[in-house]
Amino acid sequence: MKKEDLKGLSVDELRTEIAVEENRLLKLKFAHAVSPIENPMRIRESRKRVARLHTELTAKSRQA
């Protein structure tokens, strides 16, 4: 998702997206610990996506 897409989401949608993405990150980490995953860069991308979502959630919380 682009920054513009994140700005269009509501606070509840951001929280939902964070939960989904953190769950995905956890599964990727476990899969990588058991046996190396095909593309380990997906872990980094997922972690950055969580950070972007948290940043946008903080920005929206401060506006309200």
PDB file of N, CA and C in Angstrom:
ATOM      1  N   MET A   1       0.840  -1.191   0.000  1.00  0.00           N
ATOM      2  CA  MET A   1       0.000   0.000   0.000  1.00  0.00           C
ATOM      3  C   MET A   1       0.876   1.241   0.000  1.00  0.00           C
ATOM      4  N   LYS A   2       0.433   2.213  -0.720  1.00  0.00           N
ATOM      5  CA  LYS A   2       1.127   3.492  -0.768  1.00  0.00           C
ATOM      6  C   LYS A   2       0.690   4.356   0.405  1.00  0.00           C
ATOM      7  N   LYS A   3       1.452   5.401   0.649  1.00  0.00           N
ATOM      8  CA  LYS A   3       1.149   6.308   1.752  1.00  0.00           C
ATOM      9  C   LYS A   3      -0.232   6.943   1.569  1.00  0.00           C
ATOM     10  N   GLU A   4      -0.585   7.246   0.328  1.00  0.00           N
ATOM     11  CA  GLU A   4      -1.890   7.847   0.055  1.00  0.00           C
ATOM     12  C   GLU A   4      -3.022   6.874   0.404  1.00  0.00           C
ATOM     13  N   ASP A   5      -2.796   5.589   0.143  1.00  0.00           N
ATOM     14  CA  ASP A   5      -3.804   4.575   0.474  1.00  0.00           C
ATOM     15  C   ASP A   5      -3.994   4.470   1.984  1.00  0.00           C
ATOM     16  N   LEU A   6      -2.899   4.571   2.722  1.00  0.00           N
ATOM     17  CA  LEU A   6      -2.982   4.468   4.185  1.00  0.00           C
ATOM     18  C   LEU A   6      -3.716   5.661   4.783  1.00  0.00           C
ATOM     19  N   LYS A   7      -3.526   6.833   4.195  1.00  0.00           N
ATOM     20  CA  LYS A   7      -4.195   8.022   4.715  1.00  0.00           C
ATOM     21  C   LYS A   7      -5.711   7.928   4.559  1.00  0.00           C
ATOM     22  N   GLY A   8      -6.182   7.152   3.605  1.00  0.00           N
ATOM     23  CA  GLY A   8      -7.606   7.004   3.373  1.00  0.00           C
ATOM     24  C   GLY A   8      -8.293   6.045   4.327  1.00  0.00           C
ATOM     25  N   LEU A   9      -7.531   5.293   5.092  1.00  0.00           N
ATOM     26  CA  LEU A   9      -8.113   4.311   6.005  1.00  0.00           C
ATOM     27  C   LEU A   9      -8.525   4.972   7.316  1.00  0.00           C
ATOM     28  N   SER A  10      -9.568   4.423   7.923  1.00  0.00           N
ATOM     29  CA  SER A  10     -10.006   4.925   9.228  1.00  0.00           C
ATOM     30  C   SER A  10      -9.145   4.282  10.324  1.00  0.00           C
ATOM     31  N   VAL A  11      -9.326   4.739  11.549  1.00  0.00           N
ATOM     32  CA  VAL A  11      -8.550   4.221  12.678  1.00  0.00           C
ATOM     33  C   VAL A  11      -8.842   2.732  12.888  1.00  0.00           C
ATOM     34  N   ASP A  12     -10.116   2.350  12.801  1.00  0.00           N
ATOM     35  CA  ASP A  12     -10.470   0.934  12.976  1.00  0.00           C
ATOM     36  C   ASP A  12      -9.873   0.067  11.876  1.00  0.00           C
ATOM     37  N   GLU A  13      -9.904   0.564  10.645  1.00  0.00           N
ATOM     38  CA  GLU A  13      -9.323  -0.186   9.535  1.00  0.00           C
ATOM     39  C   GLU A  13      -7.818  -0.322   9.709  1.00  0.00           C
ATOM     40  N   LEU A  14      -7.164   0.727  10.203  1.00  0.00           N
ATOM     41  CA  LEU A  14      -5.723   0.658  10.453  1.00  0.00           C
ATOM     42  C   LEU A  14      -5.409  -0.391  11.512  1.00  0.00           C
ATOM     43  N   ARG A  15      -6.190  -0.417  12.586  1.00  0.00           N
ATOM     44  CA  ARG A  15      -5.962  -1.411  13.638  1.00  0.00           C
ATOM     45  C   ARG A  15      -6.153  -2.829  13.103  1.00  0.00           C
ATOM     46  N   THR A  16      -7.147  -3.017  12.253  1.00  0.00           N
ATOM     47  CA  THR A  16      -7.378  -4.322  11.647  1.00  0.00           C
ATOM     48  C   THR A  16      -6.209  -4.715  10.754  1.00  0.00           C
ATOM     49  N   GLU A  17      -5.747  -3.793   9.937  1.00  0.00           N
ATOM     50  CA  GLU A  17      -4.618  -4.057   9.051  1.00  0.00           C
ATOM     51  C   GLU A  17      -3.356  -4.376   9.853  1.00  0.00           C
ATOM     52  N   ILE A  18      -3.151  -3.675  10.960  1.00  0.00           N
ATOM     53  CA  ILE A  18      -1.982  -3.938  11.806  1.00  0.00           C
ATOM     54  C   ILE A  18      -2.049  -5.355  12.360  1.00  0.00           C
ATOM     55  N   ALA A  19      -3.205  -5.751  12.843  1.00  0.00           N
ATOM     56  CA  ALA A  19      -3.352  -7.100  13.404  1.00  0.00           C
ATOM     57  C   ALA A  19      -3.089  -8.163  12.335  1.00  0.00           C
ATOM     58  N   VAL A  20      -3.623  -7.955  11.152  1.00  0.00           N
ATOM     59  CA  VAL A  20      -3.433  -8.918  10.063  1.00  0.00           C
ATOM     60  C   VAL A  20      -1.956  -8.997   9.675  1.00  0.00           C
ATOM     61  N   GLU A  21      -1.332  -7.849   9.529  1.00  0.00           N
ATOM     62  CA  GLU A  21       0.068  -7.820   9.092  1.00  0.00           C
ATOM     63  C   GLU A  21       1.001  -8.369  10.161  1.00  0.00           C
ATOM     64  N   GLU A  22       0.730  -8.102  11.439  1.00  0.00           N
ATOM     65  CA  GLU A  22       1.561  -8.658  12.510  1.00  0.00           C
ATOM     66  C   GLU A  22       1.424 -10.174  12.567  1.00  0.00           C
ATOM     67  N   ASN A  23       0.230 -10.673  12.312  1.00  0.00           N
ATOM     68  CA  ASN A  23       0.009 -12.120  12.260  1.00  0.00           C
ATOM     69  C   ASN A  23       0.797 -12.730  11.099  1.00  0.00           C
ATOM     70  N   ARG A  24       0.767 -12.074   9.952  1.00  0.00           N
ATOM     71  CA  ARG A  24       1.505 -12.547   8.782  1.00  0.00           C
ATOM     72  C   ARG A  24       3.007 -12.548   9.068  1.00  0.00           C
ATOM     73  N   LEU A  25       3.491 -11.504   9.729  1.00  0.00           N
ATOM     74  CA  LEU A  25       4.910 -11.410  10.071  1.00  0.00           C
ATOM     75  C   LEU A  25       5.312 -12.535  11.013  1.00  0.00           C
ATOM     76  N   LEU A  26       4.481 -12.811  11.988  1.00  0.00           N
ATOM     77  CA  LEU A  26       4.765 -13.883  12.935  1.00  0.00           C
ATOM     78  C   LEU A  26       4.867 -15.228  12.225  1.00  0.00           C
ATOM     79  N   LYS A  27       3.926 -15.485  11.314  1.00  0.00           N
ATOM     80  CA  LYS A  27       3.956 -16.742  10.559  1.00  0.00           C
ATOM     81  C   LYS A  27       5.205 -16.836   9.686  1.00  0.00           C
ATOM     82  N   LEU A  28       5.601 -15.723   9.076  1.00  0.00           N
ATOM     83  CA  LEU A  28       6.810 -15.724   8.261  1.00  0.00           C
ATOM     84  C   LEU A  28       8.044 -16.021   9.099  1.00  0.00           C
ATOM     85  N   LYS A  29       8.111 -15.429  10.283  1.00  0.00           N
ATOM     86  CA  LYS A  29       9.262 -15.669  11.157  1.00  0.00           C
ATOM     87  C   LYS A  29       9.337 -17.127  11.594  1.00  0.00           C
ATOM     88  N   PHE A  30       8.189 -17.705  11.945  1.00  0.00           N
ATOM     89  CA  PHE A  30       8.177 -19.107  12.343  1.00  0.00           C
ATOM     90  C   PHE A  30       8.563 -20.012  11.182  1.00  0.00           C
ATOM     91  N   ALA A  31       8.027 -19.724  10.007  1.00  0.00           N
ATOM     92  CA  ALA A  31       8.353 -20.535   8.833  1.00  0.00           C
ATOM     93  C   ALA A  31       9.843 -20.442   8.514  1.00  0.00           C
ATOM     94  N   HIS A  32      10.412 -19.271   8.678  1.00  0.00           N
ATOM     95  CA  HIS A  32      11.829 -19.078   8.389  1.00  0.00           C
ATOM     96  C   HIS A  32      12.709 -19.766   9.442  1.00  0.00           C
ATOM     97  N   ALA A  33      12.236 -19.849  10.664  1.00  0.00           N
ATOM     98  CA  ALA A  33      12.993 -20.515  11.717  1.00  0.00           C
ATOM     99  C   ALA A  33      13.032 -22.027  11.506  1.00  0.00           C
ATOM    100  N   VAL A  34      11.940 -22.579  10.996  1.00  0.00           N
ATOM    101  CA  VAL A  34      11.861 -24.022  10.776  1.00  0.00           C
ATOM    102  C   VAL A  34      12.705 -24.419   9.570  1.00  0.00           C
ATOM    103  N   SER A  35      12.453 -23.775   8.470  1.00  0.00           N
ATOM    104  CA  SER A  35      13.236 -24.008   7.265  1.00  0.00           C
ATOM    105  C   SER A  35      13.293 -22.690   6.496  1.00  0.00           C
ATOM    106  N   PRO A  36      14.417 -22.371   5.911  1.00  0.00           N
ATOM    107  CA  PRO A  36      14.546 -21.076   5.237  1.00  0.00           C
ATOM    108  C   PRO A  36      13.463 -20.876   4.170  1.00  0.00           C
ATOM    109  N   ILE A  37      12.804 -19.719   4.245  1.00  0.00           N
ATOM    110  CA  ILE A  37      11.761 -19.447   3.257  1.00  0.00           C
ATOM    111  C   ILE A  37      12.406 -19.029   1.946  1.00  0.00           C
ATOM    112  N   GLU A  38      11.632 -19.126   0.888  1.00  0.00           N
ATOM    113  CA  GLU A  38      12.149 -18.869  -0.452  1.00  0.00           C
ATOM    114  C   GLU A  38      12.630 -17.433  -0.618  1.00  0.00           C
ATOM    115  N   ASN A  39      11.872 -16.477  -0.091  1.00  0.00           N
ATOM    116  CA  ASN A  39      12.232 -15.074  -0.244  1.00  0.00           C
ATOM    117  C   ASN A  39      12.243 -14.409   1.140  1.00  0.00           C
ATOM    118  N   PRO A  40      13.384 -14.367   1.800  1.00  0.00           N
ATOM    119  CA  PRO A  40      13.450 -13.783   3.140  1.00  0.00           C
ATOM    120  C   PRO A  40      13.203 -12.277   3.163  1.00  0.00           C
ATOM    121  N   MET A  41      13.235 -11.623   2.024  1.00  0.00           N
ATOM    122  CA  MET A  41      12.958 -10.180   1.973  1.00  0.00           C
ATOM    123  C   MET A  41      11.504  -9.890   2.345  1.00  0.00           C
ATOM    124  N   ARG A  42      10.644 -10.887   2.256  1.00  0.00           N
ATOM    125  CA  ARG A  42       9.242 -10.701   2.631  1.00  0.00           C
ATOM    126  C   ARG A  42       9.122 -10.359   4.109  1.00  0.00           C
ATOM    127  N   ILE A  43      10.032 -10.864   4.936  1.00  0.00           N
ATOM    128  CA  ILE A  43      10.013 -10.540   6.364  1.00  0.00           C
ATOM    129  C   ILE A  43      10.277  -9.055   6.545  1.00  0.00           C
ATOM    130  N   ARG A  44      11.266  -8.531   5.849  1.00  0.00           N
ATOM    131  CA  ARG A  44      11.598  -7.108   5.954  1.00  0.00           C
ATOM    132  C   ARG A  44      10.449  -6.246   5.446  1.00  0.00           C
ATOM    133  N   GLU A  45       9.867  -6.624   4.317  1.00  0.00           N
ATOM    134  CA  GLU A  45       8.747  -5.862   3.767  1.00  0.00           C
ATOM    135  C   GLU A  45       7.567  -5.837   4.719  1.00  0.00           C
ATOM    136  N   SER A  46       7.284  -6.969   5.340  1.00  0.00           N
ATOM    137  CA  SER A  46       6.169  -7.061   6.282  1.00  0.00           C
ATOM    138  C   SER A  46       6.431  -6.199   7.513  1.00  0.00           C
ATOM    139  N   ARG A  47       7.659  -6.232   8.007  1.00  0.00           N
ATOM    140  CA  ARG A  47       8.021  -5.434   9.174  1.00  0.00           C
ATOM    141  C   ARG A  47       7.890  -3.939   8.874  1.00  0.00           C
ATOM    142  N   LYS A  48       8.307  -3.532   7.690  1.00  0.00           N
ATOM    143  CA  LYS A  48       8.192  -2.126   7.302  1.00  0.00           C
ATOM    144  C   LYS A  48       6.730  -1.717   7.136  1.00  0.00           C
ATOM    145  N   ARG A  49       5.919  -2.627   6.619  1.00  0.00           N
ATOM    146  CA  ARG A  49       4.497  -2.326   6.455  1.00  0.00           C
ATOM    147  C   ARG A  49       3.831  -2.109   7.817  1.00  0.00           C
ATOM    148  N   VAL A  50       4.192  -2.937   8.798  1.00  0.00           N
ATOM    149  CA  VAL A  50       3.661  -2.766  10.158  1.00  0.00           C
ATOM    150  C   VAL A  50       4.067  -1.406  10.704  1.00  0.00           C
ATOM    151  N   ALA A  51       5.315  -1.017  10.480  1.00  0.00           N
ATOM    152  CA  ALA A  51       5.793   0.273  10.968  1.00  0.00           C
ATOM    153  C   ALA A  51       5.038   1.420  10.300  1.00  0.00           C
ATOM    154  N   ARG A  52       4.801   1.317   9.005  1.00  0.00           N
ATOM    155  CA  ARG A  52       4.046   2.356   8.300  1.00  0.00           C
ATOM    156  C   ARG A  52       2.626   2.474   8.842  1.00  0.00           C
ATOM    157  N   LEU A  53       2.007   1.329   9.097  1.00  0.00           N
ATOM    158  CA  LEU A  53       0.651   1.338   9.637  1.00  0.00           C
ATOM    159  C   LEU A  53       0.626   1.968  11.024  1.00  0.00           C
ATOM    160  N   HIS A  54       1.592   1.629  11.858  1.00  0.00           N
ATOM    161  CA  HIS A  54       1.658   2.215  13.198  1.00  0.00           C
ATOM    162  C   HIS A  54       1.884   3.722  13.123  1.00  0.00           C
ATOM    163  N   THR A  55       2.714   4.154  12.202  1.00  0.00           N
ATOM    164  CA  THR A  55       2.988   5.583  12.038  1.00  0.00           C
ATOM    165  C   THR A  55       1.719   6.329  11.647  1.00  0.00           C
ATOM    166  N   GLU A  56       0.979   5.788  10.710  1.00  0.00           N
ATOM    167  CA  GLU A  56      -0.256   6.438  10.273  1.00  0.00           C
ATOM    168  C   GLU A  56      -1.301   6.437  11.382  1.00  0.00           C
ATOM    169  N   LEU A  57      -1.373   5.343  12.158  1.00  0.00           N
ATOM    170  CA  LEU A  57      -2.316   5.267  13.278  1.00  0.00           C
ATOM    171  C   LEU A  57      -1.966   6.331  14.326  1.00  0.00           C
ATOM    172  N   THR A  58      -0.700   6.522  14.608  1.00  0.00           N
ATOM    173  CA  THR A  58      -0.277   7.532  15.565  1.00  0.00           C
ATOM    174  C   THR A  58      -0.632   8.923  15.069  1.00  0.00           C
ATOM    175  N   ALA A  59      -0.411   9.173  13.794  1.00  0.00           N
ATOM    176  CA  ALA A  59      -0.717  10.481  13.213  1.00  0.00           C
ATOM    177  C   ALA A  59      -2.216  10.771  13.306  1.00  0.00           C
ATOM    178  N   LYS A  60      -3.044   9.769  13.022  1.00  0.00           N
ATOM    179  CA  LYS A  60      -4.493   9.972  13.097  1.00  0.00           C
ATOM    180  C   LYS A  60      -4.951  10.139  14.541  1.00  0.00           C
ATOM    181  N   SER A  61      -4.314   9.437  15.471  1.00  0.00           N
ATOM    182  CA  SER A  61      -4.691   9.555  16.877  1.00  0.00           C
ATOM    183  C   SER A  61      -4.363  10.954  17.405  1.00  0.00           C
ATOM    184  N   ARG A  62      -3.272  11.518  16.965  1.00  0.00           N
ATOM    185  CA  ARG A  62      -2.887  12.847  17.421  1.00  0.00           C
ATOM    186  C   ARG A  62      -3.781  13.932  16.827  1.00  0.00           C
ATOM    187  N   GLN A  63      -4.333  13.676  15.649  1.00  0.00           N
ATOM    188  CA  GLN A  63      -5.238  14.655  15.031  1.00  0.00           C
ATOM    189  C   GLN A  63      -6.542  14.755  15.796  1.00  0.00           C
ATOM    190  N   ALA A  64      -7.016  13.625  16.285  1.00  0.00           N
ATOM    191  CA  ALA A  64      -8.330  13.594  16.956  1.00  0.00           C
ATOM    192  C   ALA A  64      -8.298  14.179  18.334  1.00  0.00           C
TER     193      ALA A  64
END
